[in-house]
Amino acid sequence: MNITLQDIGRRYNREWIFRHLDYTFSFGNSYAILGPNGSGKSTLIKVLTGSLTPSEGKMSFTDAGRDIEIEHVFKGASLAAPYVELIEEFTLQEMIDFHFKFKTYLPGFDMSRLQEILGFTKSTFQKEIRHFSSGMRQRVKLLLACCSESKLLFLDEPTSNLDKDGEKWYLDLLDQTKSERILIVGSNQEHEYSFCNAYLQIMDYK
């Protein structure tokens, strides 16, 4: 799986968020999209996931030499972001079951392993999401995205609402799940992307 951007730009009304972006995201690599708050990191991630269309330029997805239409990209992608919500009326168990009706577990992962990784008490899995703290919700978002079998994994501000223990938990989770895919992290905090081997500065495309 590769993502190729050719002279990509996105604007809102008359303001360009980014322009003239040429870049290739290649399978097996981890990328950090860097920039200050409000610089356009999340907008670029939304373009890459197909939830926003570019205002100019061309974007292509290929897998084993075969072109993939943008409307089918979501099938092979996972996303955790502040703007992605959990279903608050579901219990945690129901949320996980519902998610994996549409996604497949990453090889080597199943419900029991997810329970072990989360480290929550058994009773927590019968509690409705609306009663969870912001940190617990963030762990669930990250777990569902990282433990789904997907060739594209997008993490936007992944440690928002996590304390120091949660940040360590996040890095441990990625150690177990980041290989054999394209990983793209939108961040301005080094601890969130220190493991990445390539960097895209969004401010270079203003």
N, C-alpha and C. Protein backbone atom coordinates (compact mmCIF):
# COMPACT_ATOMS: atom_id res chain seq x y z
N MET A 1 0.85 -1.20 0.00
CA MET A 1 0.00 0.00 0.00
C MET A 1 0.88 1.25 0.00
N ASN A 2 0.61 2.15 -0.94
CA ASN A 2 1.26 3.45 -0.99
C ASN A 2 0.21 4.53 -1.18
N ILE A 3 0.48 5.72 -0.63
CA ILE A 3 -0.34 6.90 -0.88
C ILE A 3 0.55 7.93 -1.55
N THR A 4 0.15 8.40 -2.72
CA THR A 4 0.95 9.38 -3.45
C THR A 4 0.15 10.67 -3.61
N LEU A 5 0.74 11.77 -3.17
CA LEU A 5 0.13 13.10 -3.29
C LEU A 5 0.88 13.89 -4.34
N GLN A 6 0.14 14.47 -5.27
CA GLN A 6 0.74 15.27 -6.33
C GLN A 6 0.10 16.66 -6.34
N ASP A 7 0.87 17.65 -5.87
CA ASP A 7 0.43 19.05 -5.85
C ASP A 7 -0.90 19.22 -5.13
N ILE A 8 -1.04 18.51 -4.01
CA ILE A 8 -2.29 18.54 -3.25
C ILE A 8 -2.43 19.86 -2.50
N GLY A 9 -3.66 20.38 -2.47
CA GLY A 9 -3.98 21.55 -1.67
C GLY A 9 -5.39 21.45 -1.14
N ARG A 10 -5.63 22.12 -0.04
CA ARG A 10 -6.97 22.17 0.54
C ARG A 10 -7.22 23.56 1.09
N ARG A 11 -8.37 24.11 0.80
CA ARG A 11 -8.70 25.44 1.31
C ARG A 11 -10.11 25.45 1.88
N TYR A 12 -10.35 26.40 2.77
CA TYR A 12 -11.67 26.69 3.29
C TYR A 12 -12.01 28.11 2.85
N ASN A 13 -13.07 28.25 2.11
CA ASN A 13 -13.41 29.54 1.51
C ASN A 13 -12.21 30.01 0.68
N ARG A 14 -11.62 31.14 1.01
CA ARG A 14 -10.48 31.64 0.22
C ARG A 14 -9.14 31.37 0.89
N GLU A 15 -9.17 30.76 2.05
CA GLU A 15 -7.92 30.55 2.79
C GLU A 15 -7.37 29.15 2.51
N TRP A 16 -6.12 29.09 2.05
CA TRP A 16 -5.46 27.81 1.80
C TRP A 16 -4.89 27.27 3.11
N ILE A 17 -5.26 26.05 3.45
CA ILE A 17 -4.74 25.40 4.65
C ILE A 17 -3.34 24.84 4.35
N PHE A 18 -3.20 24.23 3.19
CA PHE A 18 -1.89 23.83 2.66
C PHE A 18 -2.00 23.78 1.14
N ARG A 19 -0.83 23.88 0.49
CA ARG A 19 -0.81 23.88 -0.98
C ARG A 19 0.46 23.24 -1.49
N HIS A 20 0.41 22.75 -2.74
CA HIS A 20 1.59 22.24 -3.46
C HIS A 20 2.32 21.16 -2.67
N LEU A 21 1.54 20.24 -2.13
CA LEU A 21 2.11 19.16 -1.33
C LEU A 21 2.35 17.94 -2.22
N ASP A 22 3.62 17.61 -2.39
CA ASP A 22 4.02 16.40 -3.11
C ASP A 22 4.68 15.46 -2.10
N TYR A 23 4.12 14.26 -1.97
CA TYR A 23 4.65 13.36 -0.94
C TYR A 23 4.16 11.94 -1.22
N THR A 24 4.96 10.97 -0.79
CA THR A 24 4.56 9.56 -0.89
C THR A 24 4.69 8.90 0.47
N PHE A 25 3.62 8.28 0.90
CA PHE A 25 3.62 7.47 2.13
C PHE A 25 3.73 6.02 1.70
N SER A 26 4.76 5.33 2.20
CA SER A 26 5.05 3.97 1.74
C SER A 26 4.79 2.95 2.84
N PHE A 27 4.36 1.78 2.42
CA PHE A 27 4.03 0.69 3.34
C PHE A 27 5.22 0.33 4.23
N GLY A 28 4.95 0.09 5.51
CA GLY A 28 5.97 -0.32 6.45
C GLY A 28 6.66 0.81 7.18
N ASN A 29 6.31 2.05 6.86
CA ASN A 29 6.94 3.21 7.48
C ASN A 29 5.98 3.92 8.42
N SER A 30 6.56 4.67 9.35
CA SER A 30 5.79 5.47 10.30
C SER A 30 6.09 6.94 10.06
N TYR A 31 5.05 7.73 9.89
CA TYR A 31 5.20 9.14 9.52
C TYR A 31 4.58 10.04 10.59
N ALA A 32 5.22 11.18 10.82
CA ALA A 32 4.68 12.20 11.71
C ALA A 32 4.35 13.43 10.88
N ILE A 33 3.10 13.88 10.95
CA ILE A 33 2.71 15.16 10.36
C ILE A 33 2.80 16.19 11.48
N LEU A 34 3.71 17.14 11.32
CA LEU A 34 4.05 18.05 12.40
C LEU A 34 3.61 19.48 12.09
N GLY A 35 3.32 20.22 13.15
CA GLY A 35 2.94 21.62 13.01
C GLY A 35 2.22 22.09 14.25
N PRO A 36 2.17 23.40 14.48
CA PRO A 36 1.48 23.94 15.66
C PRO A 36 -0.03 23.72 15.57
N ASN A 37 -0.70 23.98 16.67
CA ASN A 37 -2.16 23.85 16.68
C ASN A 37 -2.77 24.77 15.63
N GLY A 38 -3.75 24.23 14.89
CA GLY A 38 -4.42 25.03 13.88
C GLY A 38 -3.69 25.15 12.57
N SER A 39 -2.61 24.40 12.40
CA SER A 39 -1.79 24.54 11.18
C SER A 39 -2.30 23.70 10.02
N GLY A 40 -3.20 22.74 10.28
CA GLY A 40 -3.74 21.94 9.20
C GLY A 40 -3.43 20.47 9.26
N LYS A 41 -2.86 20.00 10.36
CA LYS A 41 -2.53 18.57 10.48
C LYS A 41 -3.79 17.71 10.36
N SER A 42 -4.80 18.05 11.11
CA SER A 42 -6.04 17.26 11.09
C SER A 42 -6.71 17.33 9.73
N THR A 43 -6.65 18.50 9.09
CA THR A 43 -7.23 18.64 7.76
C THR A 43 -6.55 17.70 6.77
N LEU A 44 -5.22 17.62 6.84
CA LEU A 44 -4.50 16.71 5.94
C LEU A 44 -4.87 15.26 6.22
N ILE A 45 -4.99 14.89 7.48
CA ILE A 45 -5.38 13.52 7.82
C ILE A 45 -6.78 13.21 7.28
N LYS A 46 -7.68 14.17 7.37
CA LYS A 46 -9.04 13.97 6.84
C LYS A 46 -9.01 13.79 5.32
N VAL A 47 -8.11 14.52 4.64
CA VAL A 47 -7.95 14.33 3.20
C VAL A 47 -7.41 12.94 2.91
N LEU A 48 -6.41 12.51 3.68
CA LEU A 48 -5.79 11.20 3.46
C LEU A 48 -6.77 10.05 3.71
N THR A 49 -7.70 10.24 4.63
CA THR A 49 -8.68 9.18 4.92
C THR A 49 -9.87 9.22 3.98
N GLY A 50 -9.95 10.26 3.16
CA GLY A 50 -11.05 10.36 2.22
C GLY A 50 -12.29 11.06 2.75
N SER A 51 -12.23 11.57 3.99
CA SER A 51 -13.40 12.26 4.53
C SER A 51 -13.49 13.70 4.03
N LEU A 52 -12.38 14.25 3.51
CA LEU A 52 -12.38 15.53 2.82
C LEU A 52 -11.74 15.32 1.45
N THR A 53 -12.22 16.06 0.46
CA THR A 53 -11.60 15.99 -0.86
C THR A 53 -10.59 17.12 -1.01
N PRO A 54 -9.50 16.90 -1.73
CA PRO A 54 -8.54 17.98 -1.98
C PRO A 54 -9.19 19.08 -2.82
N SER A 55 -8.78 20.32 -2.60
CA SER A 55 -9.26 21.42 -3.42
C SER A 55 -8.50 21.50 -4.74
N GLU A 56 -7.31 20.94 -4.76
CA GLU A 56 -6.53 20.86 -5.99
C GLU A 56 -5.55 19.70 -5.88
N GLY A 57 -5.02 19.28 -7.01
CA GLY A 57 -4.03 18.21 -7.03
C GLY A 57 -4.65 16.83 -7.16
N LYS A 58 -3.79 15.84 -7.12
CA LYS A 58 -4.20 14.45 -7.33
C LYS A 58 -3.67 13.57 -6.20
N MET A 59 -4.48 12.67 -5.73
CA MET A 59 -4.11 11.74 -4.68
C MET A 59 -4.43 10.33 -5.16
N SER A 60 -3.47 9.42 -5.03
CA SER A 60 -3.71 8.05 -5.49
C SER A 60 -3.29 7.05 -4.42
N PHE A 61 -4.02 5.94 -4.37
CA PHE A 61 -3.75 4.84 -3.45
C PHE A 61 -3.48 3.60 -4.29
N THR A 62 -2.39 2.91 -4.00
CA THR A 62 -2.08 1.68 -4.71
C THR A 62 -1.75 0.58 -3.72
N ASP A 63 -2.13 -0.62 -4.06
CA ASP A 63 -1.85 -1.79 -3.23
C ASP A 63 -1.43 -2.92 -4.15
N ALA A 64 -0.17 -3.37 -4.00
CA ALA A 64 0.39 -4.41 -4.86
C ALA A 64 0.25 -4.05 -6.34
N GLY A 65 0.49 -2.77 -6.64
CA GLY A 65 0.43 -2.30 -8.02
C GLY A 65 -0.96 -2.03 -8.55
N ARG A 66 -1.97 -2.22 -7.72
CA ARG A 66 -3.36 -2.03 -8.14
C ARG A 66 -3.92 -0.74 -7.55
N ASP A 67 -4.55 0.08 -8.38
CA ASP A 67 -5.15 1.32 -7.91
C ASP A 67 -6.39 1.04 -7.07
N ILE A 68 -6.54 1.82 -6.00
CA ILE A 68 -7.72 1.70 -5.14
C ILE A 68 -8.49 3.01 -5.20
N GLU A 69 -9.78 2.93 -5.47
CA GLU A 69 -10.61 4.13 -5.51
C GLU A 69 -10.76 4.70 -4.10
N ILE A 70 -10.78 6.03 -4.02
CA ILE A 70 -10.80 6.70 -2.72
C ILE A 70 -11.98 6.25 -1.87
N GLU A 71 -13.13 5.96 -2.49
CA GLU A 71 -14.31 5.57 -1.70
C GLU A 71 -14.15 4.19 -1.06
N HIS A 72 -13.13 3.44 -1.46
CA HIS A 72 -12.89 2.12 -0.87
C HIS A 72 -11.73 2.11 0.13
N VAL A 73 -11.08 3.26 0.28
CA VAL A 73 -9.90 3.32 1.15
C VAL A 73 -10.27 3.02 2.60
N PHE A 74 -11.46 3.44 3.02
CA PHE A 74 -11.86 3.27 4.42
C PHE A 74 -11.84 1.81 4.86
N LYS A 75 -12.03 0.90 3.90
CA LYS A 75 -12.06 -0.51 4.24
C LYS A 75 -10.72 -0.99 4.80
N GLY A 76 -9.64 -0.35 4.37
CA GLY A 76 -8.32 -0.76 4.82
C GLY A 76 -7.66 0.25 5.74
N ALA A 77 -8.49 1.12 6.36
CA ALA A 77 -7.94 2.19 7.21
C ALA A 77 -8.56 2.16 8.60
N SER A 78 -7.78 2.60 9.59
CA SER A 78 -8.27 2.78 10.95
C SER A 78 -7.85 4.16 11.42
N LEU A 79 -8.68 4.77 12.26
CA LEU A 79 -8.44 6.15 12.70
C LEU A 79 -8.82 6.32 14.15
N ALA A 80 -7.95 6.97 14.90
CA ALA A 80 -8.28 7.44 16.25
C ALA A 80 -7.97 8.94 16.28
N ALA A 81 -8.96 9.74 16.66
CA ALA A 81 -8.81 11.19 16.64
C ALA A 81 -9.82 11.81 17.60
N PRO A 82 -9.56 13.05 18.05
CA PRO A 82 -10.51 13.71 18.97
C PRO A 82 -11.90 13.87 18.37
N TYR A 83 -11.99 13.98 17.04
CA TYR A 83 -13.29 14.19 16.38
C TYR A 83 -13.99 12.89 16.03
N VAL A 84 -13.41 11.75 16.39
CA VAL A 84 -14.06 10.44 16.22
C VAL A 84 -14.67 10.05 17.56
N GLU A 85 -15.97 9.90 17.59
CA GLU A 85 -16.66 9.64 18.85
C GLU A 85 -17.00 8.16 19.03
N LEU A 86 -17.05 7.74 20.27
CA LEU A 86 -17.56 6.42 20.63
C LEU A 86 -19.07 6.53 20.84
N ILE A 87 -19.75 5.40 20.79
CA ILE A 87 -21.21 5.39 21.01
C ILE A 87 -21.45 5.31 22.52
N GLU A 88 -21.85 6.41 23.09
CA GLU A 88 -21.89 6.54 24.55
C GLU A 88 -22.91 5.62 25.21
N GLU A 89 -23.95 5.25 24.49
CA GLU A 89 -24.99 4.40 25.08
C GLU A 89 -24.57 2.93 25.14
N PHE A 90 -23.52 2.58 24.42
CA PHE A 90 -23.01 1.20 24.44
C PHE A 90 -22.18 0.96 25.69
N THR A 91 -22.22 -0.26 26.18
CA THR A 91 -21.21 -0.66 27.16
C THR A 91 -19.89 -0.86 26.41
N LEU A 92 -18.80 -0.96 27.15
CA LEU A 92 -17.51 -1.18 26.50
C LEU A 92 -17.54 -2.49 25.72
N GLN A 93 -18.12 -3.54 26.29
CA GLN A 93 -18.21 -4.81 25.59
C GLN A 93 -18.99 -4.67 24.29
N GLU A 94 -20.10 -3.96 24.33
CA GLU A 94 -20.91 -3.75 23.13
C GLU A 94 -20.16 -2.91 22.10
N MET A 95 -19.39 -1.93 22.56
CA MET A 95 -18.63 -1.08 21.66
C MET A 95 -17.59 -1.90 20.90
N ILE A 96 -16.88 -2.76 21.60
CA ILE A 96 -15.86 -3.60 20.97
C ILE A 96 -16.52 -4.58 20.00
N ASP A 97 -17.60 -5.23 20.45
CA ASP A 97 -18.30 -6.19 19.57
C ASP A 97 -18.81 -5.50 18.31
N PHE A 98 -19.36 -4.30 18.45
CA PHE A 98 -19.90 -3.56 17.32
C PHE A 98 -18.77 -3.19 16.35
N HIS A 99 -17.67 -2.69 16.87
CA HIS A 99 -16.54 -2.29 16.03
C HIS A 99 -16.04 -3.45 15.18
N PHE A 100 -15.92 -4.63 15.80
CA PHE A 100 -15.35 -5.76 15.08
C PHE A 100 -16.38 -6.54 14.25
N LYS A 101 -17.59 -6.00 14.14
CA LYS A 101 -18.50 -6.47 13.09
C LYS A 101 -18.09 -5.91 11.73
N PHE A 102 -17.37 -4.77 11.77
CA PHE A 102 -16.97 -4.08 10.54
C PHE A 102 -15.48 -4.20 10.26
N LYS A 103 -14.72 -4.48 11.28
CA LYS A 103 -13.27 -4.64 11.14
C LYS A 103 -12.87 -6.04 11.59
N THR A 104 -11.70 -6.47 11.13
CA THR A 104 -11.13 -7.75 11.54
C THR A 104 -10.03 -7.50 12.56
N TYR A 105 -9.92 -8.41 13.52
CA TYR A 105 -8.82 -8.28 14.49
C TYR A 105 -7.47 -8.37 13.79
N LEU A 106 -6.53 -7.58 14.24
CA LEU A 106 -5.15 -7.72 13.81
C LEU A 106 -4.70 -9.15 14.14
N PRO A 107 -3.94 -9.80 13.25
CA PRO A 107 -3.50 -11.17 13.54
C PRO A 107 -2.85 -11.29 14.93
N GLY A 108 -3.27 -12.30 15.67
CA GLY A 108 -2.73 -12.50 17.01
C GLY A 108 -3.51 -11.81 18.11
N PHE A 109 -4.55 -11.07 17.72
CA PHE A 109 -5.36 -10.34 18.69
C PHE A 109 -6.78 -10.90 18.71
N ASP A 110 -7.39 -10.85 19.89
CA ASP A 110 -8.79 -11.25 20.05
C ASP A 110 -9.33 -10.52 21.28
N MET A 111 -10.55 -10.82 21.64
CA MET A 111 -11.18 -10.12 22.76
C MET A 111 -10.38 -10.25 24.05
N SER A 112 -9.91 -11.44 24.34
CA SER A 112 -9.18 -11.63 25.60
C SER A 112 -7.90 -10.81 25.63
N ARG A 113 -7.23 -10.71 24.47
CA ARG A 113 -6.01 -9.92 24.45
C ARG A 113 -6.33 -8.43 24.58
N LEU A 114 -7.41 -7.98 23.98
CA LEU A 114 -7.81 -6.58 24.14
C LEU A 114 -8.12 -6.27 25.61
N GLN A 115 -8.80 -7.19 26.27
CA GLN A 115 -9.10 -7.00 27.68
C GLN A 115 -7.81 -6.89 28.50
N GLU A 116 -6.85 -7.73 28.15
CA GLU A 116 -5.57 -7.71 28.85
C GLU A 116 -4.82 -6.40 28.62
N ILE A 117 -4.84 -5.91 27.37
CA ILE A 117 -4.13 -4.67 27.05
C ILE A 117 -4.76 -3.48 27.76
N LEU A 118 -6.09 -3.41 27.76
CA LEU A 118 -6.76 -2.30 28.42
C LEU A 118 -6.50 -2.29 29.93
N GLY A 119 -6.50 -3.47 30.52
CA GLY A 119 -6.23 -3.57 31.95
C GLY A 119 -7.38 -3.09 32.83
N PHE A 120 -8.57 -2.95 32.26
CA PHE A 120 -9.73 -2.54 33.05
C PHE A 120 -10.29 -3.75 33.82
N THR A 121 -11.03 -3.47 34.88
CA THR A 121 -11.69 -4.54 35.63
C THR A 121 -12.78 -5.15 34.76
N LYS A 122 -13.17 -6.38 35.09
CA LYS A 122 -14.23 -7.06 34.32
C LYS A 122 -15.52 -6.27 34.34
N SER A 123 -15.83 -5.65 35.46
CA SER A 123 -17.09 -4.90 35.56
C SER A 123 -17.10 -3.69 34.64
N THR A 124 -15.92 -3.15 34.33
CA THR A 124 -15.84 -1.97 33.46
C THR A 124 -16.37 -2.29 32.06
N PHE A 125 -16.22 -3.53 31.62
CA PHE A 125 -16.68 -3.90 30.28
C PHE A 125 -18.20 -3.92 30.18
N GLN A 126 -18.89 -3.89 31.33
CA GLN A 126 -20.35 -3.83 31.33
C GLN A 126 -20.85 -2.42 31.65
N LYS A 127 -19.93 -1.47 31.73
CA LYS A 127 -20.30 -0.08 32.02
C LYS A 127 -20.48 0.68 30.71
N GLU A 128 -21.46 1.58 30.67
CA GLU A 128 -21.69 2.37 29.47
C GLU A 128 -20.55 3.37 29.27
N ILE A 129 -20.22 3.61 28.00
CA ILE A 129 -19.11 4.51 27.65
C ILE A 129 -19.33 5.91 28.23
N ARG A 130 -20.57 6.33 28.34
CA ARG A 130 -20.85 7.69 28.82
C ARG A 130 -20.36 7.92 30.25
N HIS A 131 -20.10 6.83 30.97
CA HIS A 131 -19.60 6.95 32.34
C HIS A 131 -18.07 6.92 32.40
N PHE A 132 -17.41 6.79 31.27
CA PHE A 132 -15.95 6.70 31.24
C PHE A 132 -15.32 8.09 31.35
N SER A 133 -14.14 8.14 31.94
CA SER A 133 -13.36 9.38 31.93
C SER A 133 -12.82 9.63 30.54
N SER A 134 -12.34 10.85 30.29
CA SER A 134 -11.79 11.18 28.97
C SER A 134 -10.56 10.32 28.66
N GLY A 135 -9.77 10.01 29.68
CA GLY A 135 -8.60 9.16 29.47
C GLY A 135 -8.97 7.73 29.11
N MET A 136 -10.00 7.20 29.75
CA MET A 136 -10.47 5.85 29.42
C MET A 136 -11.01 5.80 28.00
N ARG A 137 -11.75 6.83 27.60
CA ARG A 137 -12.29 6.87 26.25
C ARG A 137 -11.15 6.89 25.22
N GLN A 138 -10.11 7.66 25.53
CA GLN A 138 -9.00 7.75 24.59
C GLN A 138 -8.29 6.40 24.45
N ARG A 139 -8.15 5.68 25.53
CA ARG A 139 -7.54 4.34 25.45
C ARG A 139 -8.38 3.42 24.57
N VAL A 140 -9.70 3.50 24.70
CA VAL A 140 -10.58 2.65 23.90
C VAL A 140 -10.45 3.01 22.42
N LYS A 141 -10.44 4.31 22.11
CA LYS A 141 -10.28 4.75 20.71
C LYS A 141 -8.98 4.20 20.11
N LEU A 142 -7.90 4.35 20.85
CA LEU A 142 -6.60 3.89 20.36
C LEU A 142 -6.57 2.38 20.21
N LEU A 143 -7.14 1.69 21.16
CA LEU A 143 -7.15 0.22 21.11
C LEU A 143 -7.90 -0.27 19.87
N LEU A 144 -9.09 0.28 19.62
CA LEU A 144 -9.89 -0.16 18.49
C LEU A 144 -9.17 0.11 17.17
N ALA A 145 -8.53 1.26 17.05
CA ALA A 145 -7.83 1.59 15.81
C ALA A 145 -6.59 0.72 15.62
N CYS A 146 -5.79 0.59 16.66
CA CYS A 146 -4.50 -0.10 16.53
C CYS A 146 -4.67 -1.61 16.40
N CYS A 147 -5.70 -2.17 16.99
CA CYS A 147 -5.86 -3.62 17.00
C CYS A 147 -6.75 -4.13 15.89
N SER A 148 -7.12 -3.26 14.95
CA SER A 148 -7.87 -3.66 13.76
C SER A 148 -6.88 -3.96 12.64
N GLU A 149 -7.19 -4.97 11.86
CA GLU A 149 -6.32 -5.28 10.72
C GLU A 149 -6.56 -4.24 9.63
N SER A 150 -5.59 -3.37 9.45
CA SER A 150 -5.71 -2.29 8.46
C SER A 150 -4.31 -1.92 7.98
N LYS A 151 -4.21 -1.64 6.70
CA LYS A 151 -2.92 -1.28 6.13
C LYS A 151 -2.58 0.19 6.35
N LEU A 152 -3.60 0.98 6.71
CA LEU A 152 -3.42 2.40 7.00
C LEU A 152 -3.92 2.68 8.41
N LEU A 153 -3.05 3.22 9.24
CA LEU A 153 -3.43 3.57 10.61
C LEU A 153 -3.14 5.05 10.83
N PHE A 154 -4.19 5.81 11.14
CA PHE A 154 -4.07 7.25 11.36
C PHE A 154 -4.36 7.55 12.83
N LEU A 155 -3.45 8.27 13.46
CA LEU A 155 -3.61 8.67 14.85
C LEU A 155 -3.42 10.18 14.94
N ASP A 156 -4.47 10.89 15.29
CA ASP A 156 -4.43 12.35 15.39
C ASP A 156 -4.46 12.74 16.86
N GLU A 157 -3.42 13.44 17.31
CA GLU A 157 -3.28 13.83 18.73
C GLU A 157 -3.54 12.62 19.64
N PRO A 158 -2.75 11.56 19.48
CA PRO A 158 -3.08 10.28 20.13
C PRO A 158 -3.05 10.27 21.65
N THR A 159 -2.28 11.16 22.29
CA THR A 159 -2.24 11.11 23.75
C THR A 159 -3.06 12.22 24.40
N SER A 160 -3.94 12.85 23.62
CA SER A 160 -4.84 13.84 24.24
C SER A 160 -5.67 13.14 25.31
N ASN A 161 -5.75 13.76 26.47
CA ASN A 161 -6.50 13.25 27.64
C ASN A 161 -5.81 12.10 28.36
N LEU A 162 -4.58 11.75 27.96
CA LEU A 162 -3.86 10.69 28.66
C LEU A 162 -2.84 11.29 29.62
N ASP A 163 -2.72 10.67 30.81
CA ASP A 163 -1.69 11.09 31.76
C ASP A 163 -0.38 10.38 31.42
N LYS A 164 0.63 10.52 32.27
CA LYS A 164 1.94 9.92 31.99
C LYS A 164 1.85 8.40 31.85
N ASP A 165 1.08 7.76 32.71
CA ASP A 165 0.91 6.31 32.58
C ASP A 165 0.22 5.97 31.26
N GLY A 166 -0.75 6.80 30.87
CA GLY A 166 -1.44 6.58 29.61
C GLY A 166 -0.53 6.76 28.41
N GLU A 167 0.39 7.72 28.50
CA GLU A 167 1.35 7.92 27.41
C GLU A 167 2.26 6.70 27.25
N LYS A 168 2.68 6.12 28.35
CA LYS A 168 3.50 4.91 28.29
C LYS A 168 2.68 3.75 27.71
N TRP A 169 1.42 3.67 28.13
CA TRP A 169 0.52 2.63 27.60
C TRP A 169 0.38 2.75 26.09
N TYR A 170 0.25 3.98 25.60
CA TYR A 170 0.14 4.23 24.16
C TYR A 170 1.37 3.74 23.41
N LEU A 171 2.55 4.04 23.92
CA LEU A 171 3.78 3.61 23.26
C LEU A 171 3.92 2.09 23.28
N ASP A 172 3.52 1.47 24.39
CA ASP A 172 3.55 0.00 24.46
C ASP A 172 2.58 -0.61 23.45
N LEU A 173 1.40 0.00 23.30
CA LEU A 173 0.42 -0.49 22.34
C LEU A 173 0.98 -0.42 20.92
N LEU A 174 1.64 0.68 20.58
CA LEU A 174 2.20 0.81 19.24
C LEU A 174 3.35 -0.16 19.00
N ASP A 175 4.12 -0.44 20.03
CA ASP A 175 5.18 -1.44 19.88
C ASP A 175 4.62 -2.78 19.42
N GLN A 176 3.41 -3.08 19.85
CA GLN A 176 2.78 -4.35 19.51
C GLN A 176 2.04 -4.33 18.18
N THR A 177 1.73 -3.13 17.65
CA THR A 177 0.77 -3.08 16.54
C THR A 177 1.21 -2.26 15.33
N LYS A 178 2.32 -1.53 15.37
CA LYS A 178 2.59 -0.56 14.31
C LYS A 178 3.23 -1.15 13.06
N SER A 179 3.74 -2.36 13.10
CA SER A 179 4.43 -2.92 11.94
C SER A 179 3.42 -3.41 10.89
N GLU A 180 3.92 -3.64 9.68
CA GLU A 180 3.12 -4.17 8.57
C GLU A 180 1.95 -3.28 8.18
N ARG A 181 2.18 -1.97 8.21
CA ARG A 181 1.16 -1.02 7.80
C ARG A 181 1.81 0.34 7.58
N ILE A 182 1.07 1.29 7.05
CA ILE A 182 1.49 2.69 7.06
C ILE A 182 0.89 3.32 8.30
N LEU A 183 1.73 3.90 9.14
CA LEU A 183 1.27 4.60 10.33
C LEU A 183 1.52 6.09 10.15
N ILE A 184 0.48 6.90 10.33
CA ILE A 184 0.59 8.35 10.19
C ILE A 184 0.06 9.00 11.46
N VAL A 185 0.92 9.78 12.13
CA VAL A 185 0.59 10.42 13.39
C VAL A 185 0.57 11.94 13.19
N GLY A 186 -0.54 12.58 13.54
CA GLY A 186 -0.60 14.04 13.53
C GLY A 186 -0.32 14.55 14.93
N SER A 187 0.71 15.39 15.08
CA SER A 187 1.14 15.71 16.44
C SER A 187 2.01 16.97 16.46
N ASN A 188 2.09 17.59 17.64
CA ASN A 188 3.11 18.60 17.90
C ASN A 188 3.83 18.29 19.22
N GLN A 189 3.72 17.04 19.67
CA GLN A 189 4.37 16.61 20.90
C GLN A 189 5.29 15.42 20.60
N GLU A 190 6.57 15.60 20.88
CA GLU A 190 7.57 14.63 20.43
C GLU A 190 7.32 13.24 20.98
N HIS A 191 6.82 13.12 22.21
CA HIS A 191 6.62 11.78 22.77
C HIS A 191 5.58 10.97 21.99
N GLU A 192 4.73 11.64 21.20
CA GLU A 192 3.71 10.94 20.43
C GLU A 192 4.26 10.32 19.15
N TYR A 193 5.40 10.84 18.67
CA TYR A 193 5.89 10.40 17.36
C TYR A 193 7.38 10.08 17.35
N SER A 194 7.99 9.91 18.52
CA SER A 194 9.44 9.70 18.60
C SER A 194 9.90 8.46 17.85
N PHE A 195 9.04 7.50 17.65
CA PHE A 195 9.36 6.24 16.95
C PHE A 195 9.26 6.37 15.43
N CYS A 196 8.72 7.48 14.92
CA CYS A 196 8.51 7.63 13.47
C CYS A 196 9.86 7.76 12.75
N ASN A 197 9.89 7.30 11.51
CA ASN A 197 11.13 7.37 10.73
C ASN A 197 11.05 8.37 9.58
N ALA A 198 9.94 9.13 9.50
CA ALA A 198 9.81 10.17 8.47
C ALA A 198 8.90 11.26 9.01
N TYR A 199 9.14 12.49 8.55
CA TYR A 199 8.43 13.65 9.09
C TYR A 199 7.99 14.57 7.95
N LEU A 200 6.76 15.07 8.08
CA LEU A 200 6.21 16.04 7.12
C LEU A 200 5.84 17.29 7.90
N GLN A 201 6.48 18.40 7.62
CA GLN A 201 6.19 19.67 8.28
C GLN A 201 5.10 20.39 7.50
N ILE A 202 3.90 20.48 8.07
CA ILE A 202 2.79 21.08 7.36
C ILE A 202 3.03 22.55 7.05
N MET A 203 3.85 23.23 7.86
CA MET A 203 4.11 24.66 7.63
C MET A 203 4.95 24.89 6.37
N ASP A 204 5.57 23.84 5.85
CA ASP A 204 6.33 23.98 4.62
C ASP A 204 5.44 24.09 3.39
N TYR A 205 4.13 23.91 3.58
CA TYR A 205 3.21 23.88 2.44
C TYR A 205 2.12 24.93 2.58
N LYS A 206 2.50 26.06 3.11
CA LYS A 206 1.56 27.17 3.25
C LYS A 206 1.62 28.11 2.02
